[in-house]
Amino acid sequence: DGRFVPNISFGMMVVEQVGKVLEKPMDVHLMIEEP
């Protein structure tokens, strides 16, 4: 999120799009404040 860590990667929209096609389990690691 650029707050808990000094970088911004991606958020819900990317996770959602990947989740629509991914067949294997999705392991989501939240490096964010106020999860």
ModelCIF file with pLDDT and N, C-alpha, C, O atoms, coordinates in Angstrom:
data_MODEL
#
_entry.id   MODEL 
#
_entity.id                         1 
_entity.type                       polymer 
_entity.pdbx_number_of_molecules   1 
#
_entity_poly.entity_id                      1 
_entity_poly.type                           'polypeptide(L)' 
_entity_poly.nstd_linkage                   no 
_entity_poly.nstd_monomer                   no 
_entity_poly.pdbx_seq_one_letter_code       DGRFVPNISFGMMVVEQVGKVLEKPMDVHLMIEEP 
_entity_poly.pdbx_seq_one_letter_code_can   DGRFVPNISFGMMVVEQVGKVLEKPMDVHLMIEEP 
_entity_poly.pdbx_strand_id                 A 
#
loop_
_entity_poly_seq.entity_id 
_entity_poly_seq.num 
_entity_poly_seq.mon_id 
_entity_poly_seq.hetero 
1 1  ASP n 
1 2  GLY n 
1 3  ARG n 
1 4  PHE n 
1 5  VAL n 
1 6  PRO n 
1 7  ASN n 
1 8  ILE n 
1 9  SER n 
1 10 PHE n 
1 11 GLY n 
1 12 MET n 
1 13 MET n 
1 14 VAL n 
1 15 VAL n 
1 16 GLU n 
1 17 GLN n 
1 18 VAL n 
1 19 GLY n 
1 20 LYS n 
1 21 VAL n 
1 22 LEU n 
1 23 GLU n 
1 24 LYS n 
1 25 PRO n 
1 26 MET n 
1 27 ASP n 
1 28 VAL n 
1 29 HIS n 
1 30 LEU n 
1 31 MET n 
1 32 ILE n 
1 33 GLU n 
1 34 GLU n 
1 35 PRO n 
#
_struct_asym.id          A 
_struct_asym.entity_id   1 
#
loop_
_ma_qa_metric.id 
_ma_qa_metric.mode 
_ma_qa_metric.name 
_ma_qa_metric.software_group_id 
_ma_qa_metric.type 
1 global pLDDT . pLDDT 
2 local  pLDDT . pLDDT 
#
_ma_qa_metric_global.metric_id      1 
_ma_qa_metric_global.metric_value   96.17 
_ma_qa_metric_global.model_id       1 
_ma_qa_metric_global.ordinal_id     1 
#
loop_
_ma_qa_metric_local.label_asym_id 
_ma_qa_metric_local.label_comp_id 
_ma_qa_metric_local.label_seq_id 
_ma_qa_metric_local.metric_id 
_ma_qa_metric_local.metric_value 
_ma_qa_metric_local.model_id 
_ma_qa_metric_local.ordinal_id 
A ASP 1  2 96.00 1 1  
A GLY 2  2 95.00 1 2  
A ARG 3  2 95.00 1 3  
A PHE 4  2 96.00 1 4  
A VAL 5  2 94.00 1 5  
A PRO 6  2 91.00 1 6  
A ASN 7  2 93.00 1 7  
A ILE 8  2 95.00 1 8  
A SER 9  2 95.00 1 9  
A PHE 10 2 95.00 1 10 
A GLY 11 2 94.00 1 11 
A MET 12 2 94.00 1 12 
A MET 13 2 95.00 1 13 
A VAL 14 2 96.00 1 14 
A VAL 15 2 97.00 1 15 
A GLU 16 2 97.00 1 16 
A GLN 17 2 96.00 1 17 
A VAL 18 2 97.00 1 18 
A GLY 19 2 96.00 1 19 
A LYS 20 2 96.00 1 20 
A VAL 21 2 96.00 1 21 
A LEU 22 2 97.00 1 22 
A GLU 23 2 97.00 1 23 
A LYS 24 2 98.00 1 24 
A PRO 25 2 98.00 1 25 
A MET 26 2 98.00 1 26 
A ASP 27 2 98.00 1 27 
A VAL 28 2 98.00 1 28 
A HIS 29 2 98.00 1 29 
A LEU 30 2 98.00 1 30 
A MET 31 2 97.00 1 31 
A ILE 32 2 98.00 1 32 
A GLU 33 2 97.00 1 33 
A GLU 34 2 97.00 1 34 
A PRO 35 2 98.00 1 35 
#
loop_
_atom_site.group_PDB 
_atom_site.id 
_atom_site.type_symbol 
_atom_site.label_atom_id 
_atom_site.label_alt_id 
_atom_site.label_comp_id 
_atom_site.label_asym_id 
_atom_site.label_entity_id 
_atom_site.label_seq_id 
_atom_site.pdbx_PDB_ins_code 
_atom_site.Cartn_x 
_atom_site.Cartn_y 
_atom_site.Cartn_z 
_atom_site.occupancy 
_atom_site.B_iso_or_equiv 
_atom_site.pdbx_formal_charge 
_atom_site.auth_seq_id 
_atom_site.auth_comp_id 
_atom_site.auth_asym_id 
_atom_site.auth_atom_id 
_atom_site.pdbx_PDB_model_num 
ATOM 1   N N  . ASP A 1 1  ? 0.789   -1.237  0.000   1.00 96.00 ? 1  ASP A N  1 
ATOM 2   C CA . ASP A 1 1  ? 0.000   0.000   0.000   1.00 96.00 ? 1  ASP A CA 1 
ATOM 3   C C  . ASP A 1 1  ? 0.816   1.280   0.000   1.00 96.00 ? 1  ASP A C  1 
ATOM 4   O O  . ASP A 1 1  ? 0.235   2.364   -0.048  1.00 96.00 ? 1  ASP A O  1 
ATOM 5   N N  . GLY A 1 2  ? 2.149   1.200   0.052   1.00 95.00 ? 2  GLY A N  1 
ATOM 6   C CA . GLY A 1 2  ? 2.953   2.412   0.111   1.00 95.00 ? 2  GLY A CA 1 
ATOM 7   C C  . GLY A 1 2  ? 2.973   3.069   1.475   1.00 95.00 ? 2  GLY A C  1 
ATOM 8   O O  . GLY A 1 2  ? 3.570   4.132   1.642   1.00 95.00 ? 2  GLY A O  1 
ATOM 9   N N  . ARG A 1 3  ? 2.330   2.454   2.447   1.00 95.00 ? 3  ARG A N  1 
ATOM 10  C CA . ARG A 1 3  ? 2.307   2.977   3.820   1.00 95.00 ? 3  ARG A CA 1 
ATOM 11  C C  . ARG A 1 3  ? 2.983   2.004   4.780   1.00 95.00 ? 3  ARG A C  1 
ATOM 12  O O  . ARG A 1 3  ? 3.942   2.355   5.467   1.00 95.00 ? 3  ARG A O  1 
ATOM 13  N N  . PHE A 1 4  ? 2.473   0.786   4.816   1.00 96.00 ? 4  PHE A N  1 
ATOM 14  C CA . PHE A 1 4  ? 3.118   -0.224  5.667   1.00 96.00 ? 4  PHE A CA 1 
ATOM 15  C C  . PHE A 1 4  ? 4.498   -0.582  5.125   1.00 96.00 ? 4  PHE A C  1 
ATOM 16  O O  . PHE A 1 4  ? 5.431   -0.826  5.890   1.00 96.00 ? 4  PHE A O  1 
ATOM 17  N N  . VAL A 1 5  ? 4.618   -0.611  3.816   1.00 94.00 ? 5  VAL A N  1 
ATOM 18  C CA . VAL A 1 5  ? 5.907   -0.828  3.153   1.00 94.00 ? 5  VAL A CA 1 
ATOM 19  C C  . VAL A 1 5  ? 6.133   0.303   2.149   1.00 94.00 ? 5  VAL A C  1 
ATOM 20  O O  . VAL A 1 5  ? 5.167   0.904   1.679   1.00 94.00 ? 5  VAL A O  1 
ATOM 21  N N  . PRO A 1 6  ? 7.388   0.604   1.812   1.00 91.00 ? 6  PRO A N  1 
ATOM 22  C CA . PRO A 1 6  ? 7.677   1.741   0.924   1.00 91.00 ? 6  PRO A CA 1 
ATOM 23  C C  . PRO A 1 6  ? 7.533   1.403   -0.551  1.00 91.00 ? 6  PRO A C  1 
ATOM 24  O O  . PRO A 1 6  ? 8.411   1.722   -1.352  1.00 91.00 ? 6  PRO A O  1 
ATOM 25  N N  . ASN A 1 7  ? 6.442   0.766   -0.909  1.00 93.00 ? 7  ASN A N  1 
ATOM 26  C CA . ASN A 1 7  ? 6.223   0.411   -2.304  1.00 93.00 ? 7  ASN A CA 1 
ATOM 27  C C  . ASN A 1 7  ? 4.737   0.173   -2.501  1.00 93.00 ? 7  ASN A C  1 
ATOM 28  O O  . ASN A 1 7  ? 4.030   -0.152  -1.547  1.00 93.00 ? 7  ASN A O  1 
ATOM 29  N N  . ILE A 1 8  ? 4.256   0.331   -3.718  1.00 95.00 ? 8  ILE A N  1 
ATOM 30  C CA . ILE A 1 8  ? 2.876   0.037   -4.081  1.00 95.00 ? 8  ILE A CA 1 
ATOM 31  C C  . ILE A 1 8  ? 2.910   -1.020  -5.184  1.00 95.00 ? 8  ILE A C  1 
ATOM 32  O O  . ILE A 1 8  ? 3.611   -0.856  -6.183  1.00 95.00 ? 8  ILE A O  1 
ATOM 33  N N  . SER A 1 9  ? 2.162   -2.091  -5.004  1.00 95.00 ? 9  SER A N  1 
ATOM 34  C CA . SER A 1 9  ? 2.181   -3.151  -6.015  1.00 95.00 ? 9  SER A CA 1 
ATOM 35  C C  . SER A 1 9  ? 0.868   -3.183  -6.785  1.00 95.00 ? 9  SER A C  1 
ATOM 36  O O  . SER A 1 9  ? 0.764   -2.588  -7.857  1.00 95.00 ? 9  SER A O  1 
ATOM 37  N N  . PHE A 1 10 ? -0.127  -3.869  -6.251  1.00 95.00 ? 10 PHE A N  1 
ATOM 38  C CA . PHE A 1 10 ? -1.439  -3.964  -6.900  1.00 95.00 ? 10 PHE A CA 1 
ATOM 39  C C  . PHE A 1 10 ? -2.483  -4.193  -5.821  1.00 95.00 ? 10 PHE A C  1 
ATOM 40  O O  . PHE A 1 10 ? -2.156  -4.468  -4.667  1.00 95.00 ? 10 PHE A O  1 
ATOM 41  N N  . GLY A 1 11 ? -3.749  -4.074  -6.216  1.00 94.00 ? 11 GLY A N  1 
ATOM 42  C CA . GLY A 1 11 ? -4.819  -4.180  -5.236  1.00 94.00 ? 11 GLY A CA 1 
ATOM 43  C C  . GLY A 1 11 ? -5.909  -5.131  -5.645  1.00 94.00 ? 11 GLY A C  1 
ATOM 44  O O  . GLY A 1 11 ? -5.672  -6.111  -6.351  1.00 94.00 ? 11 GLY A O  1 
ATOM 45  N N  . MET A 1 12 ? -7.128  -4.826  -5.187  1.00 94.00 ? 12 MET A N  1 
ATOM 46  C CA . MET A 1 12 ? -8.254  -5.734  -5.376  1.00 94.00 ? 12 MET A CA 1 
ATOM 47  C C  . MET A 1 12 ? -8.547  -6.052  -6.842  1.00 94.00 ? 12 MET A C  1 
ATOM 48  O O  . MET A 1 12 ? -8.885  -7.188  -7.175  1.00 94.00 ? 12 MET A O  1 
ATOM 49  N N  . MET A 1 13 ? -8.419  -5.060  -7.710  1.00 95.00 ? 13 MET A N  1 
ATOM 50  C CA . MET A 1 13 ? -8.808  -5.270  -9.109  1.00 95.00 ? 13 MET A CA 1 
ATOM 51  C C  . MET A 1 13 ? -7.944  -6.343  -9.769  1.00 95.00 ? 13 MET A C  1 
ATOM 52  O O  . MET A 1 13 ? -8.449  -7.192  -10.504 1.00 95.00 ? 13 MET A O  1 
ATOM 53  N N  . VAL A 1 14 ? -6.636  -6.298  -9.502  1.00 96.00 ? 14 VAL A N  1 
ATOM 54  C CA . VAL A 1 14 ? -5.747  -7.309  -10.080 1.00 96.00 ? 14 VAL A CA 1 
ATOM 55  C C  . VAL A 1 14 ? -6.035  -8.676  -9.453  1.00 96.00 ? 14 VAL A C  1 
ATOM 56  O O  . VAL A 1 14 ? -6.107  -9.682  -10.159 1.00 96.00 ? 14 VAL A O  1 
ATOM 57  N N  . VAL A 1 15 ? -6.199  -8.710  -8.131  1.00 97.00 ? 15 VAL A N  1 
ATOM 58  C CA . VAL A 1 15 ? -6.498  -9.975  -7.455  1.00 97.00 ? 15 VAL A CA 1 
ATOM 59  C C  . VAL A 1 15 ? -7.795  -10.571 -8.006  1.00 97.00 ? 15 VAL A C  1 
ATOM 60  O O  . VAL A 1 15 ? -7.878  -11.776 -8.243  1.00 97.00 ? 15 VAL A O  1 
ATOM 61  N N  . GLU A 1 16 ? -8.788  -9.737  -8.204  1.00 97.00 ? 16 GLU A N  1 
ATOM 62  C CA . GLU A 1 16 ? -10.077 -10.221 -8.711  1.00 97.00 ? 16 GLU A CA 1 
ATOM 63  C C  . GLU A 1 16 ? -9.950  -10.794 -10.122 1.00 97.00 ? 16 GLU A C  1 
ATOM 64  O O  . GLU A 1 16 ? -10.508 -11.851 -10.417 1.00 97.00 ? 16 GLU A O  1 
ATOM 65  N N  . GLN A 1 17 ? -9.214  -10.097 -10.997 1.00 96.00 ? 17 GLN A N  1 
ATOM 66  C CA . GLN A 1 17 ? -9.060  -10.571 -12.368 1.00 96.00 ? 17 GLN A CA 1 
ATOM 67  C C  . GLN A 1 17 ? -8.274  -11.876 -12.416 1.00 96.00 ? 17 GLN A C  1 
ATOM 68  O O  . GLN A 1 17 ? -8.613  -12.784 -13.175 1.00 96.00 ? 17 GLN A O  1 
ATOM 69  N N  . VAL A 1 18 ? -7.231  -11.966 -11.609 1.00 97.00 ? 18 VAL A N  1 
ATOM 70  C CA . VAL A 1 18 ? -6.456  -13.206 -11.538 1.00 97.00 ? 18 VAL A CA 1 
ATOM 71  C C  . VAL A 1 18 ? -7.318  -14.337 -10.998 1.00 97.00 ? 18 VAL A C  1 
ATOM 72  O O  . VAL A 1 18 ? -7.270  -15.462 -11.496 1.00 97.00 ? 18 VAL A O  1 
ATOM 73  N N  . GLY A 1 19 ? -8.109  -14.026 -9.972  1.00 96.00 ? 19 GLY A N  1 
ATOM 74  C CA . GLY A 1 19 ? -8.972  -15.033 -9.357  1.00 96.00 ? 19 GLY A CA 1 
ATOM 75  C C  . GLY A 1 19 ? -9.989  -15.626 -10.314 1.00 96.00 ? 19 GLY A C  1 
ATOM 76  O O  . GLY A 1 19 ? -10.444 -16.752 -10.109 1.00 96.00 ? 19 GLY A O  1 
ATOM 77  N N  . LYS A 1 20 ? -10.358 -14.890 -11.360 1.00 96.00 ? 20 LYS A N  1 
ATOM 78  C CA . LYS A 1 20 ? -11.348 -15.377 -12.327 1.00 96.00 ? 20 LYS A CA 1 
ATOM 79  C C  . LYS A 1 20 ? -10.794 -16.503 -13.204 1.00 96.00 ? 20 LYS A C  1 
ATOM 80  O O  . LYS A 1 20 ? -11.548 -17.335 -13.709 1.00 96.00 ? 20 LYS A O  1 
ATOM 81  N N  . VAL A 1 21 ? -9.469  -16.517 -13.380 1.00 96.00 ? 21 VAL A N  1 
ATOM 82  C CA . VAL A 1 21 ? -8.883  -17.499 -14.296 1.00 96.00 ? 21 VAL A CA 1 
ATOM 83  C C  . VAL A 1 21 ? -7.963  -18.501 -13.604 1.00 96.00 ? 21 VAL A C  1 
ATOM 84  O O  . VAL A 1 21 ? -7.730  -19.590 -14.128 1.00 96.00 ? 21 VAL A O  1 
ATOM 85  N N  . LEU A 1 22 ? -7.441  -18.144 -12.436 1.00 97.00 ? 22 LEU A N  1 
ATOM 86  C CA . LEU A 1 22 ? -6.514  -19.034 -11.739 1.00 97.00 ? 22 LEU A CA 1 
ATOM 87  C C  . LEU A 1 22 ? -7.220  -20.291 -11.264 1.00 97.00 ? 22 LEU A C  1 
ATOM 88  O O  . LEU A 1 22 ? -8.287  -20.220 -10.655 1.00 97.00 ? 22 LEU A O  1 
ATOM 89  N N  . GLU A 1 23 ? -6.623  -21.444 -11.544 1.00 97.00 ? 23 GLU A N  1 
ATOM 90  C CA . GLU A 1 23 ? -7.203  -22.721 -11.118 1.00 97.00 ? 23 GLU A CA 1 
ATOM 91  C C  . GLU A 1 23 ? -6.661  -23.182 -9.769  1.00 97.00 ? 23 GLU A C  1 
ATOM 92  O O  . GLU A 1 23 ? -7.314  -23.950 -9.063  1.00 97.00 ? 23 GLU A O  1 
ATOM 93  N N  . LYS A 1 24 ? -5.472  -22.715 -9.412  1.00 98.00 ? 24 LYS A N  1 
ATOM 94  C CA . LYS A 1 24 ? -4.843  -23.124 -8.160  1.00 98.00 ? 24 LYS A CA 1 
ATOM 95  C C  . LYS A 1 24 ? -5.178  -22.125 -7.047  1.00 98.00 ? 24 LYS A C  1 
ATOM 96  O O  . LYS A 1 24 ? -5.638  -21.019 -7.331  1.00 98.00 ? 24 LYS A O  1 
ATOM 97  N N  . PRO A 1 25 ? -4.952  -22.504 -5.790  1.00 98.00 ? 25 PRO A N  1 
ATOM 98  C CA . PRO A 1 25 ? -5.272  -21.595 -4.681  1.00 98.00 ? 25 PRO A CA 1 
ATOM 99  C C  . PRO A 1 25 ? -4.467  -20.297 -4.753  1.00 98.00 ? 25 PRO A C  1 
ATOM 100 O O  . PRO A 1 25 ? -3.314  -20.272 -5.181  1.00 98.00 ? 25 PRO A O  1 
ATOM 101 N N  . MET A 1 26 ? -5.127  -19.218 -4.315  1.00 98.00 ? 26 MET A N  1 
ATOM 102 C CA . MET A 1 26 ? -4.494  -17.902 -4.310  1.00 98.00 ? 26 MET A CA 1 
ATOM 103 C C  . MET A 1 26 ? -4.162  -17.501 -2.872  1.00 98.00 ? 26 MET A C  1 
ATOM 104 O O  . MET A 1 26 ? -5.031  -17.432 -2.003  1.00 98.00 ? 26 MET A O  1 
ATOM 105 N N  . ASP A 1 27 ? -2.885  -17.242 -2.658  1.00 98.00 ? 27 ASP A N  1 
ATOM 106 C CA . ASP A 1 27 ? -2.310  -16.944 -1.352  1.00 98.00 ? 27 ASP A CA 1 
ATOM 107 C C  . ASP A 1 27 ? -2.044  -15.440 -1.298  1.00 98.00 ? 27 ASP A C  1 
ATOM 108 O O  . ASP A 1 27 ? -1.051  -14.968 -1.851  1.00 98.00 ? 27 ASP A O  1 
ATOM 109 N N  . VAL A 1 28 ? -2.924  -14.685 -0.638  1.00 98.00 ? 28 VAL A N  1 
ATOM 110 C CA . VAL A 1 28 ? -2.860  -13.225 -0.654  1.00 98.00 ? 28 VAL A CA 1 
ATOM 111 C C  . VAL A 1 28 ? -2.166  -12.711 0.600   1.00 98.00 ? 28 VAL A C  1 
ATOM 112 O O  . VAL A 1 28 ? -2.610  -12.966 1.719   1.00 98.00 ? 28 VAL A O  1 
ATOM 113 N N  . HIS A 1 29 ? -1.092  -11.998 0.403   1.00 98.00 ? 29 HIS A N  1 
ATOM 114 C CA . HIS A 1 29 ? -0.259  -11.455 1.480   1.00 98.00 ? 29 HIS A CA 1 
ATOM 115 C C  . HIS A 1 29 ? -0.461  -9.946  1.519   1.00 98.00 ? 29 HIS A C  1 
ATOM 116 O O  . HIS A 1 29 ? -0.020  -9.225  0.624   1.00 98.00 ? 29 HIS A O  1 
ATOM 117 N N  . LEU A 1 30 ? -1.138  -9.476  2.576   1.00 98.00 ? 30 LEU A N  1 
ATOM 118 C CA . LEU A 1 30 ? -1.466  -8.056  2.696   1.00 98.00 ? 30 LEU A CA 1 
ATOM 119 C C  . LEU A 1 30 ? -0.383  -7.323  3.472   1.00 98.00 ? 30 LEU A C  1 
ATOM 120 O O  . LEU A 1 30 ? -0.323  -7.404  4.699   1.00 98.00 ? 30 LEU A O  1 
ATOM 121 N N  . MET A 1 31 ? 0.458   -6.617  2.761   1.00 97.00 ? 31 MET A N  1 
ATOM 122 C CA . MET A 1 31 ? 1.462   -5.746  3.388   1.00 97.00 ? 31 MET A CA 1 
ATOM 123 C C  . MET A 1 31 ? 0.890   -4.341  3.427   1.00 97.00 ? 31 MET A C  1 
ATOM 124 O O  . MET A 1 31 ? 1.373   -3.428  2.757   1.00 97.00 ? 31 MET A O  1 
ATOM 125 N N  . ILE A 1 32 ? -0.165  -4.193  4.241   1.00 98.00 ? 32 ILE A N  1 
ATOM 126 C CA . ILE A 1 32 ? -0.923  -2.944  4.255   1.00 98.00 ? 32 ILE A CA 1 
ATOM 127 C C  . ILE A 1 32 ? -1.313  -2.567  5.677   1.00 98.00 ? 32 ILE A C  1 
ATOM 128 O O  . ILE A 1 32 ? -1.401  -3.415  6.565   1.00 98.00 ? 32 ILE A O  1 
ATOM 129 N N  . GLU A 1 33 ? -1.547  -1.260  5.870   1.00 97.00 ? 33 GLU A N  1 
ATOM 130 C CA . GLU A 1 33 ? -2.111  -0.780  7.118   1.00 97.00 ? 33 GLU A CA 1 
ATOM 131 C C  . GLU A 1 33 ? -3.612  -1.059  7.136   1.00 97.00 ? 33 GLU A C  1 
ATOM 132 O O  . GLU A 1 33 ? -4.249  -1.131  6.085   1.00 97.00 ? 33 GLU A O  1 
ATOM 133 N N  . GLU A 1 34 ? -4.163  -1.212  8.315   1.00 97.00 ? 34 GLU A N  1 
ATOM 134 C CA . GLU A 1 34 ? -5.605  -1.398  8.525   1.00 97.00 ? 34 GLU A CA 1 
ATOM 135 C C  . GLU A 1 34 ? -6.215  -2.465  7.604   1.00 97.00 ? 34 GLU A C  1 
ATOM 136 O O  . GLU A 1 34 ? -7.184  -2.188  6.898   1.00 97.00 ? 34 GLU A O  1 
ATOM 137 N N  . PRO A 1 35 ? -5.664  -3.659  7.608   1.00 98.00 ? 35 PRO A N  1 
ATOM 138 C CA . PRO A 1 35 ? -6.167  -4.698  6.704   1.00 98.00 ? 35 PRO A CA 1 
ATOM 139 C C  . PRO A 1 35 ? -7.624  -5.057  6.951   1.00 98.00 ? 35 PRO A C  1 
ATOM 140 O O  . PRO A 1 35 ? -8.174  -5.917  6.262   1.00 98.00 ? 35 PRO A O  1 
#
